[in-house]
């Protein structure tokens, strides 16, 4: 397809597609002549992925380029590609390790992983953005006087493990390795807001069941 058709089918303006091409978010088309290139279904799928990352996930262009670089790096195994791509997404800042609440949160997070038997997560804890996010959140609870520690976190973590199993089961139904990796990236960007929305809807439902609408 030509650029105009790619724009029409994707709903992305031609000027935006050209910008994505210049930024390396989209591979160049097959050059027909000096002024015309041809694009295929792979370009269309990648364009939709880029659009979702930028518009829905609000991911900066430079970060999208980094994530896609990991997605396309077939020199790494699936776990490494997924991990590198996920870790390239925006993360919380490094916590202040001298903060007493952060130190206490580290202890609770470590105890949680021990109770769950998540040995691989514990091995990655020193470099994992997800572990860092957990520590920052638990520290914030503790700073406000709430003991949101390992004991309370275990049932939440178990629910999340079931969700992770579903995520990977669905990912493995995709027909190609590239599509499986892209599915995982989309899951991180789009599925998390869906899970958050479902969580809040469940809270609304349970709250009104318990306390009514008054």
N, C-alpha and C. Protein backbone atom coordinates (compact mmCIF):
# COMPACT_ATOMS: atom_id res chain seq x y z
N UNK A 1 0.85 -1.19 0.00
CA UNK A 1 0.00 0.00 0.00
C UNK A 1 0.89 1.24 0.00
N UNK A 2 0.36 2.33 -0.53
CA UNK A 2 1.08 3.59 -0.52
C UNK A 2 0.82 4.31 0.80
N UNK A 3 1.53 5.40 1.00
CA UNK A 3 1.45 6.13 2.27
C UNK A 3 0.02 6.61 2.55
N UNK A 4 -0.67 7.08 1.50
CA UNK A 4 -2.04 7.58 1.70
C UNK A 4 -2.96 6.46 2.20
N UNK A 5 -2.81 5.25 1.65
CA UNK A 5 -3.64 4.13 2.10
C UNK A 5 -3.27 3.71 3.51
N UNK A 6 -1.97 3.72 3.82
CA UNK A 6 -1.54 3.40 5.19
C UNK A 6 -2.16 4.37 6.17
N UNK A 7 -2.21 5.64 5.79
CA UNK A 7 -2.82 6.66 6.64
C UNK A 7 -4.32 6.42 6.80
N UNK A 8 -4.98 6.11 5.69
CA UNK A 8 -6.43 5.89 5.73
C UNK A 8 -6.78 4.67 6.57
N UNK A 9 -6.04 3.58 6.42
CA UNK A 9 -6.37 2.35 7.14
C UNK A 9 -6.03 2.45 8.63
N UNK A 10 -5.01 3.20 8.96
CA UNK A 10 -4.59 3.31 10.36
C UNK A 10 -5.28 4.44 11.10
N UNK A 11 -5.78 5.43 10.33
CA UNK A 11 -6.37 6.60 10.97
C UNK A 11 -5.32 7.59 11.47
N UNK A 12 -4.06 7.39 11.05
CA UNK A 12 -2.97 8.27 11.47
C UNK A 12 -2.66 9.22 10.32
N UNK A 13 -2.61 10.53 10.57
CA UNK A 13 -2.33 11.48 9.49
C UNK A 13 -0.98 11.21 8.83
N UNK A 14 -0.89 11.53 7.56
CA UNK A 14 0.34 11.31 6.80
C UNK A 14 1.52 12.02 7.45
N UNK A 15 1.31 13.26 7.89
CA UNK A 15 2.41 14.01 8.52
C UNK A 15 2.93 13.30 9.76
N UNK A 16 2.02 12.69 10.53
CA UNK A 16 2.43 11.96 11.74
C UNK A 16 3.20 10.70 11.38
N UNK A 17 2.76 10.01 10.34
CA UNK A 17 3.48 8.81 9.89
C UNK A 17 4.89 9.18 9.46
N UNK A 18 5.03 10.27 8.74
CA UNK A 18 6.36 10.72 8.32
C UNK A 18 7.24 11.04 9.52
N UNK A 19 6.62 11.62 10.55
CA UNK A 19 7.36 11.91 11.78
C UNK A 19 7.84 10.62 12.44
N UNK A 20 6.97 9.63 12.51
CA UNK A 20 7.34 8.34 13.09
C UNK A 20 8.47 7.69 12.29
N UNK A 21 8.42 7.83 10.96
CA UNK A 21 9.48 7.29 10.12
C UNK A 21 10.81 7.98 10.41
N UNK A 22 10.77 9.29 10.54
CA UNK A 22 12.00 10.05 10.82
C UNK A 22 12.58 9.67 12.18
N UNK A 23 11.69 9.39 13.15
CA UNK A 23 12.12 9.07 14.51
C UNK A 23 12.51 7.61 14.68
N UNK A 24 12.37 6.83 13.63
CA UNK A 24 12.75 5.42 13.70
C UNK A 24 11.74 4.54 14.40
N UNK A 25 10.51 5.01 14.57
CA UNK A 25 9.46 4.20 15.21
C UNK A 25 8.82 3.25 14.21
N UNK A 26 8.99 3.54 12.95
CA UNK A 26 8.39 2.75 11.87
C UNK A 26 9.48 2.49 10.84
N UNK A 27 9.59 1.25 10.40
CA UNK A 27 10.62 0.90 9.40
C UNK A 27 10.30 1.57 8.07
N UNK A 28 11.31 1.96 7.30
CA UNK A 28 11.05 2.55 5.98
C UNK A 28 10.29 1.58 5.08
N UNK A 29 9.50 2.12 4.19
CA UNK A 29 8.82 1.29 3.22
C UNK A 29 9.76 0.85 2.11
N UNK A 30 9.26 -0.05 1.26
CA UNK A 30 10.06 -0.48 0.10
C UNK A 30 10.04 0.61 -0.95
N UNK A 31 11.21 1.11 -1.28
CA UNK A 31 11.31 2.25 -2.18
C UNK A 31 10.97 1.84 -3.61
N UNK A 32 9.98 2.51 -4.20
CA UNK A 32 9.57 2.25 -5.59
C UNK A 32 10.33 3.18 -6.53
N UNK A 33 10.40 4.45 -6.14
CA UNK A 33 11.20 5.43 -6.87
C UNK A 33 11.67 6.48 -5.88
N UNK A 34 12.24 7.55 -6.36
CA UNK A 34 12.83 8.55 -5.47
C UNK A 34 11.82 9.20 -4.55
N UNK A 35 10.55 9.22 -4.93
CA UNK A 35 9.54 9.94 -4.14
C UNK A 35 8.47 9.04 -3.56
N UNK A 36 8.48 7.75 -3.89
CA UNK A 36 7.37 6.88 -3.50
C UNK A 36 7.89 5.61 -2.85
N UNK A 37 7.24 5.21 -1.75
CA UNK A 37 7.56 3.95 -1.08
C UNK A 37 6.27 3.16 -0.89
N UNK A 38 6.44 1.87 -0.71
CA UNK A 38 5.30 0.97 -0.53
C UNK A 38 5.38 0.34 0.85
N UNK A 39 4.21 0.21 1.50
CA UNK A 39 4.14 -0.32 2.86
C UNK A 39 3.25 -1.56 2.87
N UNK A 40 3.41 -2.38 3.93
CA UNK A 40 2.64 -3.63 3.99
C UNK A 40 1.91 -3.76 5.33
N UNK A 41 1.35 -4.94 5.55
CA UNK A 41 0.56 -5.17 6.77
C UNK A 41 1.41 -5.06 8.04
N UNK A 42 2.71 -5.41 7.93
CA UNK A 42 3.60 -5.28 9.09
C UNK A 42 3.73 -3.81 9.51
N UNK A 43 3.81 -2.93 8.52
CA UNK A 43 3.87 -1.50 8.83
C UNK A 43 2.58 -1.04 9.50
N UNK A 44 1.47 -1.55 9.01
CA UNK A 44 0.18 -1.16 9.58
C UNK A 44 0.07 -1.61 11.04
N UNK A 45 0.48 -2.85 11.32
CA UNK A 45 0.41 -3.34 12.69
C UNK A 45 1.34 -2.56 13.62
N UNK A 46 2.57 -2.30 13.14
CA UNK A 46 3.51 -1.55 13.96
C UNK A 46 3.02 -0.12 14.18
N UNK A 47 2.42 0.47 13.18
CA UNK A 47 1.90 1.83 13.32
C UNK A 47 0.81 1.88 14.38
N UNK A 48 -0.05 0.89 14.39
CA UNK A 48 -1.11 0.84 15.40
C UNK A 48 -0.52 0.65 16.81
N UNK A 49 0.54 -0.15 16.90
CA UNK A 49 1.20 -0.34 18.19
C UNK A 49 1.81 0.98 18.67
N UNK A 50 2.52 1.67 17.78
CA UNK A 50 3.13 2.95 18.14
C UNK A 50 2.06 3.94 18.58
N UNK A 51 0.98 3.97 17.85
CA UNK A 51 -0.11 4.92 18.18
C UNK A 51 -0.69 4.62 19.55
N UNK A 52 -0.88 3.34 19.85
CA UNK A 52 -1.42 2.97 21.16
C UNK A 52 -0.46 3.36 22.27
N UNK A 53 0.83 3.14 22.06
CA UNK A 53 1.81 3.47 23.09
C UNK A 53 1.84 4.98 23.36
N UNK A 54 1.74 5.78 22.30
CA UNK A 54 1.84 7.23 22.45
C UNK A 54 0.53 7.83 22.92
N UNK A 55 -0.59 7.43 22.30
CA UNK A 55 -1.86 8.07 22.62
C UNK A 55 -2.50 7.51 23.89
N UNK A 56 -2.53 6.19 24.02
CA UNK A 56 -3.19 5.57 25.18
C UNK A 56 -2.24 5.50 26.37
N UNK A 57 -1.02 5.02 26.10
CA UNK A 57 -0.06 4.88 27.18
C UNK A 57 0.66 6.16 27.54
N UNK A 58 0.55 7.19 26.67
CA UNK A 58 1.22 8.47 26.88
C UNK A 58 2.72 8.28 27.10
N UNK A 59 3.31 7.40 26.30
CA UNK A 59 4.73 7.11 26.39
C UNK A 59 5.49 8.09 25.51
N UNK A 60 6.54 8.72 26.00
CA UNK A 60 7.33 9.63 25.17
C UNK A 60 7.93 8.91 23.96
N UNK A 61 8.12 9.66 22.89
CA UNK A 61 8.63 9.08 21.64
C UNK A 61 9.96 8.39 21.86
N UNK A 62 10.88 9.02 22.61
CA UNK A 62 12.19 8.42 22.84
C UNK A 62 12.06 7.08 23.56
N UNK A 63 11.11 6.98 24.49
CA UNK A 63 10.90 5.73 25.22
C UNK A 63 10.28 4.68 24.31
N UNK A 64 9.35 5.10 23.46
CA UNK A 64 8.75 4.17 22.50
C UNK A 64 9.84 3.58 21.62
N UNK A 65 10.76 4.40 21.15
CA UNK A 65 11.85 3.92 20.31
C UNK A 65 12.71 2.89 21.05
N UNK A 66 12.98 3.17 22.33
CA UNK A 66 13.78 2.23 23.13
C UNK A 66 13.05 0.91 23.33
N UNK A 67 11.77 0.99 23.66
CA UNK A 67 10.97 -0.23 23.88
C UNK A 67 10.93 -1.06 22.60
N UNK A 68 10.66 -0.41 21.47
CA UNK A 68 10.57 -1.14 20.21
C UNK A 68 11.92 -1.74 19.81
N UNK A 69 13.00 -1.07 20.19
CA UNK A 69 14.32 -1.64 19.94
C UNK A 69 14.48 -2.98 20.62
N UNK A 70 13.99 -3.09 21.86
CA UNK A 70 14.05 -4.37 22.57
C UNK A 70 13.09 -5.39 21.96
N UNK A 71 11.91 -4.91 21.54
CA UNK A 71 10.93 -5.81 20.91
C UNK A 71 11.54 -6.46 19.67
N UNK A 72 12.30 -5.68 18.91
CA UNK A 72 12.84 -6.16 17.64
C UNK A 72 14.17 -6.90 17.78
N UNK A 73 14.73 -6.94 18.96
CA UNK A 73 16.05 -7.55 19.15
C UNK A 73 15.91 -9.06 19.32
N UNK A 74 15.99 -9.77 18.21
CA UNK A 74 15.81 -11.23 18.27
C UNK A 74 17.09 -11.96 18.68
N UNK A 75 18.11 -11.21 19.09
CA UNK A 75 19.31 -11.87 19.62
C UNK A 75 19.10 -12.32 21.06
N UNK A 76 18.03 -11.81 21.70
CA UNK A 76 17.74 -12.17 23.09
C UNK A 76 16.58 -13.16 23.13
N UNK A 77 16.53 -13.95 24.18
CA UNK A 77 15.41 -14.84 24.41
C UNK A 77 14.17 -14.06 24.81
N UNK A 78 13.03 -14.76 24.86
CA UNK A 78 11.76 -14.08 25.13
C UNK A 78 11.75 -13.38 26.48
N UNK A 79 12.24 -14.06 27.51
CA UNK A 79 12.20 -13.46 28.85
C UNK A 79 13.02 -12.18 28.90
N UNK A 80 14.21 -12.21 28.29
CA UNK A 80 15.06 -11.02 28.29
C UNK A 80 14.46 -9.90 27.46
N UNK A 81 13.87 -10.24 26.31
CA UNK A 81 13.24 -9.22 25.47
C UNK A 81 12.08 -8.57 26.20
N UNK A 82 11.25 -9.40 26.83
CA UNK A 82 10.11 -8.86 27.58
C UNK A 82 10.58 -7.99 28.73
N UNK A 83 11.57 -8.50 29.49
CA UNK A 83 12.05 -7.74 30.63
C UNK A 83 12.65 -6.41 30.22
N UNK A 84 13.50 -6.43 29.19
CA UNK A 84 14.13 -5.19 28.74
C UNK A 84 13.10 -4.19 28.23
N UNK A 85 12.10 -4.68 27.48
CA UNK A 85 11.06 -3.79 26.96
C UNK A 85 10.23 -3.21 28.09
N UNK A 86 9.84 -4.04 29.05
CA UNK A 86 9.03 -3.56 30.18
C UNK A 86 9.80 -2.55 31.02
N UNK A 87 11.06 -2.82 31.26
CA UNK A 87 11.85 -1.94 32.12
C UNK A 87 12.16 -0.62 31.44
N UNK A 88 12.02 -0.56 30.12
CA UNK A 88 12.24 0.69 29.41
C UNK A 88 11.05 1.64 29.54
N UNK A 89 9.89 1.12 29.97
CA UNK A 89 8.72 1.96 30.16
C UNK A 89 8.95 2.91 31.34
N UNK A 90 8.23 4.04 31.39
CA UNK A 90 8.42 4.99 32.50
C UNK A 90 8.21 4.31 33.85
N UNK A 91 9.09 4.61 34.79
CA UNK A 91 9.06 4.00 36.12
C UNK A 91 9.11 5.07 37.21
N UNK A 92 8.84 4.65 38.43
CA UNK A 92 8.92 5.59 39.55
C UNK A 92 10.39 5.92 39.81
N UNK A 93 10.65 7.08 40.42
CA UNK A 93 12.04 7.44 40.73
C UNK A 93 12.63 6.48 41.78
N UNK A 94 13.95 6.48 41.85
CA UNK A 94 14.63 5.68 42.87
C UNK A 94 14.24 6.17 44.26
N UNK A 95 13.88 5.26 45.17
CA UNK A 95 13.53 5.68 46.53
C UNK A 95 14.77 6.10 47.31
N UNK A 96 14.58 6.91 48.31
CA UNK A 96 15.67 7.35 49.19
C UNK A 96 16.00 6.22 50.15
N UNK A 97 17.12 5.56 49.93
CA UNK A 97 17.46 4.39 50.71
C UNK A 97 17.81 4.73 52.16
N UNK A 98 18.02 6.01 52.46
CA UNK A 98 18.30 6.42 53.84
C UNK A 98 17.02 6.69 54.62
N UNK A 99 15.90 6.69 53.94
CA UNK A 99 14.61 6.95 54.58
C UNK A 99 14.19 5.72 55.39
N UNK A 100 13.81 5.93 56.65
CA UNK A 100 13.45 4.80 57.51
C UNK A 100 12.23 4.05 56.99
N UNK A 101 11.31 4.77 56.34
CA UNK A 101 10.11 4.11 55.82
C UNK A 101 10.46 3.26 54.60
N UNK A 102 11.40 3.72 53.82
CA UNK A 102 11.84 2.94 52.66
C UNK A 102 12.55 1.67 53.13
N UNK A 103 13.39 1.79 54.15
CA UNK A 103 14.07 0.61 54.67
C UNK A 103 13.06 -0.41 55.20
N UNK A 104 12.06 0.09 55.91
CA UNK A 104 11.02 -0.82 56.42
C UNK A 104 10.22 -1.45 55.28
N UNK A 105 9.98 -0.67 54.22
CA UNK A 105 9.24 -1.19 53.06
C UNK A 105 10.04 -2.27 52.36
N UNK A 106 11.36 -2.11 52.28
CA UNK A 106 12.21 -3.15 51.71
C UNK A 106 12.06 -4.46 52.49
N UNK A 107 12.04 -4.35 53.80
CA UNK A 107 11.90 -5.55 54.64
C UNK A 107 10.57 -6.25 54.38
N UNK A 108 9.51 -5.44 54.27
CA UNK A 108 8.19 -6.02 54.02
C UNK A 108 8.12 -6.65 52.63
N UNK A 109 8.68 -5.97 51.63
CA UNK A 109 8.65 -6.49 50.26
C UNK A 109 9.45 -7.79 50.17
N UNK A 110 10.59 -7.83 50.83
CA UNK A 110 11.41 -9.05 50.84
C UNK A 110 10.69 -10.19 51.54
N UNK A 111 10.05 -9.88 52.67
CA UNK A 111 9.29 -10.89 53.40
C UNK A 111 8.12 -11.41 52.56
N UNK A 112 7.50 -10.51 51.80
CA UNK A 112 6.40 -10.90 50.92
C UNK A 112 6.88 -11.92 49.89
N UNK A 113 7.99 -11.63 49.22
CA UNK A 113 8.50 -12.55 48.20
C UNK A 113 8.88 -13.90 48.80
N UNK A 114 9.41 -13.86 50.04
CA UNK A 114 9.73 -15.12 50.72
C UNK A 114 8.47 -15.94 50.99
N UNK A 115 7.43 -15.27 51.47
CA UNK A 115 6.19 -15.98 51.79
C UNK A 115 5.54 -16.56 50.54
N UNK A 116 5.68 -15.84 49.41
CA UNK A 116 5.08 -16.31 48.16
C UNK A 116 5.93 -17.37 47.47
N UNK A 117 7.21 -17.45 47.86
CA UNK A 117 8.12 -18.35 47.18
C UNK A 117 8.53 -17.87 45.81
N UNK A 118 8.51 -16.55 45.61
CA UNK A 118 8.86 -15.97 44.32
C UNK A 118 10.38 -15.74 44.27
N UNK A 119 11.12 -16.81 44.09
CA UNK A 119 12.58 -16.74 44.12
C UNK A 119 13.15 -15.92 42.97
N UNK A 120 12.57 -16.05 41.79
CA UNK A 120 13.08 -15.30 40.65
C UNK A 120 12.87 -13.80 40.83
N UNK A 121 11.70 -13.43 41.34
CA UNK A 121 11.44 -12.01 41.61
C UNK A 121 12.41 -11.46 42.64
N UNK A 122 12.75 -12.31 43.62
CA UNK A 122 13.69 -11.86 44.65
C UNK A 122 15.09 -11.68 44.05
N UNK A 123 15.49 -12.56 43.16
CA UNK A 123 16.80 -12.44 42.52
C UNK A 123 16.90 -11.15 41.71
N UNK A 124 15.79 -10.72 41.15
CA UNK A 124 15.78 -9.52 40.31
C UNK A 124 15.48 -8.24 41.08
N UNK A 125 15.24 -8.37 42.38
CA UNK A 125 14.74 -7.22 43.14
C UNK A 125 15.66 -6.01 43.13
N UNK A 126 16.97 -6.23 43.03
CA UNK A 126 17.89 -5.08 43.08
C UNK A 126 17.86 -4.25 41.80
N UNK A 127 17.32 -4.82 40.71
CA UNK A 127 17.27 -4.08 39.45
C UNK A 127 15.86 -3.92 38.90
N UNK A 128 14.88 -4.53 39.54
CA UNK A 128 13.51 -4.54 39.01
C UNK A 128 12.76 -3.24 39.30
N UNK A 129 12.28 -2.54 38.26
CA UNK A 129 11.45 -1.36 38.49
C UNK A 129 10.15 -1.70 39.22
N UNK A 130 9.61 -2.90 38.98
CA UNK A 130 8.37 -3.29 39.65
C UNK A 130 8.59 -3.42 41.15
N UNK A 131 9.71 -4.03 41.53
CA UNK A 131 10.03 -4.14 42.96
C UNK A 131 10.21 -2.75 43.56
N UNK A 132 10.89 -1.87 42.83
CA UNK A 132 11.08 -0.50 43.31
C UNK A 132 9.74 0.21 43.50
N UNK A 133 8.82 0.02 42.57
CA UNK A 133 7.50 0.63 42.70
C UNK A 133 6.76 0.13 43.93
N UNK A 134 6.90 -1.17 44.20
CA UNK A 134 6.26 -1.74 45.38
C UNK A 134 6.82 -1.11 46.65
N UNK A 135 8.14 -0.98 46.71
CA UNK A 135 8.78 -0.39 47.89
C UNK A 135 8.31 1.04 48.09
N UNK A 136 8.26 1.82 47.02
CA UNK A 136 7.83 3.22 47.12
C UNK A 136 6.40 3.31 47.64
N UNK A 137 5.52 2.44 47.13
CA UNK A 137 4.12 2.48 47.54
C UNK A 137 3.94 2.05 49.00
N UNK A 138 4.62 0.97 49.38
CA UNK A 138 4.52 0.50 50.77
C UNK A 138 5.09 1.55 51.72
N UNK A 139 6.19 2.20 51.34
CA UNK A 139 6.78 3.25 52.16
C UNK A 139 5.80 4.40 52.35
N UNK A 140 5.06 4.75 51.30
CA UNK A 140 4.08 5.83 51.40
C UNK A 140 2.98 5.48 52.39
N UNK A 141 2.51 4.22 52.37
CA UNK A 141 1.51 3.78 53.34
C UNK A 141 2.05 3.87 54.76
N UNK A 142 3.25 3.39 54.94
CA UNK A 142 3.84 3.38 56.29
C UNK A 142 4.07 4.81 56.79
N UNK A 143 4.44 5.70 55.90
CA UNK A 143 4.67 7.09 56.29
C UNK A 143 3.38 7.74 56.80
N UNK A 144 2.25 7.27 56.31
CA UNK A 144 0.96 7.79 56.75
C UNK A 144 0.40 7.04 57.95
N UNK A 145 1.17 6.09 58.46
CA UNK A 145 0.76 5.39 59.67
C UNK A 145 0.00 4.11 59.45
N UNK A 146 -0.02 3.60 58.22
CA UNK A 146 -0.74 2.36 57.93
C UNK A 146 0.27 1.23 57.72
N UNK A 147 0.06 0.12 58.43
CA UNK A 147 0.99 -1.01 58.33
C UNK A 147 0.64 -1.93 57.20
N UNK A 148 0.78 -1.47 55.98
CA UNK A 148 0.46 -2.28 54.81
C UNK A 148 1.67 -3.12 54.46
N UNK A 149 1.83 -4.26 55.17
CA UNK A 149 3.02 -5.07 55.02
C UNK A 149 2.75 -6.40 54.33
N UNK A 150 3.69 -7.33 54.52
CA UNK A 150 3.67 -8.60 53.80
C UNK A 150 2.37 -9.38 54.04
N UNK A 151 1.92 -9.42 55.28
CA UNK A 151 0.73 -10.23 55.60
C UNK A 151 -0.49 -9.76 54.82
N UNK A 152 -0.68 -8.45 54.73
CA UNK A 152 -1.82 -7.92 54.00
C UNK A 152 -1.62 -8.03 52.49
N UNK A 153 -0.37 -7.99 52.05
CA UNK A 153 -0.09 -8.00 50.62
C UNK A 153 -0.20 -9.38 49.97
N UNK A 154 -0.04 -10.44 50.76
CA UNK A 154 -0.02 -11.79 50.19
C UNK A 154 -1.26 -12.09 49.33
N UNK A 155 -2.50 -11.89 49.82
CA UNK A 155 -3.65 -12.23 48.97
C UNK A 155 -3.73 -11.38 47.70
N UNK A 156 -3.30 -10.10 47.80
CA UNK A 156 -3.27 -9.27 46.59
C UNK A 156 -2.26 -9.83 45.59
N UNK A 157 -1.08 -10.20 46.08
CA UNK A 157 -0.05 -10.75 45.21
C UNK A 157 -0.51 -12.05 44.55
N UNK A 158 -1.23 -12.88 45.30
CA UNK A 158 -1.72 -14.13 44.73
C UNK A 158 -2.71 -13.88 43.60
N UNK A 159 -3.57 -12.86 43.78
CA UNK A 159 -4.49 -12.49 42.71
C UNK A 159 -3.73 -12.00 41.48
N UNK A 160 -2.67 -11.22 41.73
CA UNK A 160 -1.87 -10.71 40.61
C UNK A 160 -1.12 -11.83 39.90
N UNK A 161 -0.74 -12.85 40.63
CA UNK A 161 -0.08 -13.98 39.97
C UNK A 161 -1.04 -14.70 39.04
N UNK A 162 -2.27 -14.84 39.47
CA UNK A 162 -3.28 -15.44 38.60
C UNK A 162 -3.48 -14.58 37.35
N UNK A 163 -3.44 -13.26 37.52
CA UNK A 163 -3.56 -12.35 36.39
C UNK A 163 -2.37 -12.51 35.44
N UNK A 164 -1.17 -12.65 36.01
CA UNK A 164 0.03 -12.84 35.18
C UNK A 164 -0.05 -14.12 34.37
N UNK A 165 -0.59 -15.17 34.97
CA UNK A 165 -0.76 -16.44 34.25
C UNK A 165 -1.70 -16.24 33.06
N UNK A 166 -2.80 -15.52 33.30
CA UNK A 166 -3.73 -15.24 32.21
C UNK A 166 -3.06 -14.41 31.12
N UNK A 167 -2.26 -13.41 31.53
CA UNK A 167 -1.56 -12.57 30.57
C UNK A 167 -0.69 -13.41 29.64
N UNK A 168 0.13 -14.28 30.23
CA UNK A 168 1.05 -15.07 29.43
C UNK A 168 0.33 -16.15 28.62
N UNK A 169 -0.74 -16.71 29.19
CA UNK A 169 -1.54 -17.67 28.43
C UNK A 169 -2.10 -17.02 27.16
N UNK A 170 -2.63 -15.80 27.32
CA UNK A 170 -3.18 -15.08 26.16
C UNK A 170 -2.08 -14.70 25.18
N UNK A 171 -0.93 -14.29 25.71
CA UNK A 171 0.19 -13.92 24.85
C UNK A 171 0.61 -15.10 23.98
N UNK A 172 0.64 -16.30 24.56
CA UNK A 172 1.12 -17.48 23.85
C UNK A 172 0.17 -17.96 22.76
N UNK A 173 -1.03 -17.40 22.70
CA UNK A 173 -1.94 -17.74 21.61
C UNK A 173 -1.64 -16.95 20.34
N UNK A 174 -0.79 -15.93 20.43
CA UNK A 174 -0.47 -15.13 19.25
C UNK A 174 0.39 -15.94 18.28
N UNK A 175 0.21 -15.75 16.97
CA UNK A 175 0.81 -16.66 15.99
C UNK A 175 2.32 -16.53 15.78
N UNK A 176 2.90 -15.35 16.03
CA UNK A 176 4.33 -15.18 15.79
C UNK A 176 5.02 -14.66 17.04
N UNK A 177 6.34 -14.84 17.09
CA UNK A 177 7.10 -14.35 18.24
C UNK A 177 7.00 -12.84 18.37
N UNK A 178 7.07 -12.13 17.25
CA UNK A 178 6.97 -10.67 17.29
C UNK A 178 5.62 -10.24 17.84
N UNK A 179 4.56 -10.91 17.41
CA UNK A 179 3.22 -10.57 17.89
C UNK A 179 3.07 -10.89 19.38
N UNK A 180 3.73 -11.95 19.83
CA UNK A 180 3.66 -12.29 21.25
C UNK A 180 4.35 -11.21 22.09
N UNK A 181 5.50 -10.73 21.63
CA UNK A 181 6.19 -9.68 22.36
C UNK A 181 5.37 -8.39 22.34
N UNK A 182 4.83 -8.05 21.18
CA UNK A 182 4.02 -6.84 21.07
C UNK A 182 2.78 -6.94 21.96
N UNK A 183 2.17 -8.13 22.02
CA UNK A 183 1.00 -8.34 22.89
C UNK A 183 1.37 -8.04 24.33
N UNK A 184 2.53 -8.50 24.75
CA UNK A 184 2.96 -8.27 26.13
C UNK A 184 3.15 -6.78 26.41
N UNK A 185 3.72 -6.07 25.44
CA UNK A 185 3.93 -4.63 25.61
C UNK A 185 2.58 -3.92 25.69
N UNK A 186 1.67 -4.27 24.80
CA UNK A 186 0.34 -3.67 24.85
C UNK A 186 -0.35 -4.00 26.17
N UNK A 187 -0.10 -5.22 26.67
CA UNK A 187 -0.70 -5.59 27.94
C UNK A 187 -0.23 -4.67 29.06
N UNK A 188 1.05 -4.32 29.04
CA UNK A 188 1.58 -3.44 30.08
C UNK A 188 1.01 -2.04 29.97
N UNK A 189 0.74 -1.60 28.73
CA UNK A 189 0.31 -0.23 28.53
C UNK A 189 -1.21 -0.08 28.63
N UNK A 190 -1.93 -1.02 28.03
CA UNK A 190 -3.39 -0.89 27.94
C UNK A 190 -4.10 -1.78 28.95
N UNK A 191 -3.57 -2.98 29.20
CA UNK A 191 -4.26 -3.89 30.10
C UNK A 191 -4.25 -3.38 31.54
N UNK A 192 -3.16 -2.71 31.93
CA UNK A 192 -3.10 -2.20 33.31
C UNK A 192 -4.19 -1.18 33.59
N UNK A 193 -4.47 -0.22 32.68
CA UNK A 193 -5.63 0.65 32.92
C UNK A 193 -6.95 -0.10 32.98
N UNK A 194 -7.08 -1.19 32.19
CA UNK A 194 -8.30 -2.00 32.25
C UNK A 194 -8.42 -2.65 33.62
N UNK A 195 -7.30 -3.22 34.11
CA UNK A 195 -7.33 -3.85 35.43
C UNK A 195 -7.63 -2.83 36.52
N UNK A 196 -7.06 -1.65 36.39
CA UNK A 196 -7.33 -0.59 37.37
C UNK A 196 -8.81 -0.20 37.34
N UNK A 197 -9.37 -0.08 36.12
CA UNK A 197 -10.78 0.26 36.01
C UNK A 197 -11.67 -0.83 36.61
N UNK A 198 -11.33 -2.10 36.34
CA UNK A 198 -12.10 -3.20 36.91
C UNK A 198 -12.01 -3.21 38.43
N UNK A 199 -10.81 -2.90 38.94
CA UNK A 199 -10.63 -2.83 40.40
C UNK A 199 -11.54 -1.76 40.99
N UNK A 200 -11.58 -0.60 40.38
CA UNK A 200 -12.41 0.49 40.91
C UNK A 200 -13.90 0.20 40.77
N UNK A 201 -14.27 -0.46 39.65
CA UNK A 201 -15.66 -0.86 39.50
C UNK A 201 -16.05 -1.87 40.58
N UNK A 202 -15.14 -2.80 40.86
CA UNK A 202 -15.41 -3.78 41.92
C UNK A 202 -15.55 -3.09 43.27
N UNK A 203 -14.71 -2.09 43.51
CA UNK A 203 -14.82 -1.33 44.76
C UNK A 203 -16.16 -0.62 44.86
N UNK A 204 -16.58 -0.01 43.74
CA UNK A 204 -17.88 0.66 43.73
C UNK A 204 -19.01 -0.33 44.04
N UNK A 205 -18.93 -1.50 43.39
CA UNK A 205 -19.97 -2.50 43.59
C UNK A 205 -20.00 -2.98 45.04
N UNK A 206 -18.84 -3.32 45.59
CA UNK A 206 -18.79 -3.84 46.96
C UNK A 206 -19.16 -2.77 47.98
N UNK A 207 -18.74 -1.53 47.73
CA UNK A 207 -19.07 -0.44 48.66
C UNK A 207 -20.57 -0.23 48.74
N UNK A 208 -21.23 -0.19 47.58
CA UNK A 208 -22.68 0.03 47.59
C UNK A 208 -23.43 -1.17 48.13
N UNK A 209 -22.89 -2.38 47.94
CA UNK A 209 -23.52 -3.56 48.54
C UNK A 209 -23.50 -3.47 50.06
N UNK A 210 -22.36 -3.01 50.59
CA UNK A 210 -22.21 -2.97 52.05
C UNK A 210 -22.92 -1.78 52.68
N UNK A 211 -22.83 -0.63 52.01
CA UNK A 211 -23.27 0.61 52.68
C UNK A 211 -24.42 1.32 51.96
N UNK A 212 -24.88 0.76 50.82
CA UNK A 212 -25.97 1.39 50.10
C UNK A 212 -25.50 2.63 49.36
N UNK A 213 -26.47 3.43 48.90
CA UNK A 213 -26.16 4.60 48.09
C UNK A 213 -26.24 5.90 48.88
N UNK A 214 -26.45 5.80 50.18
CA UNK A 214 -26.59 7.03 50.95
C UNK A 214 -25.22 7.65 51.24
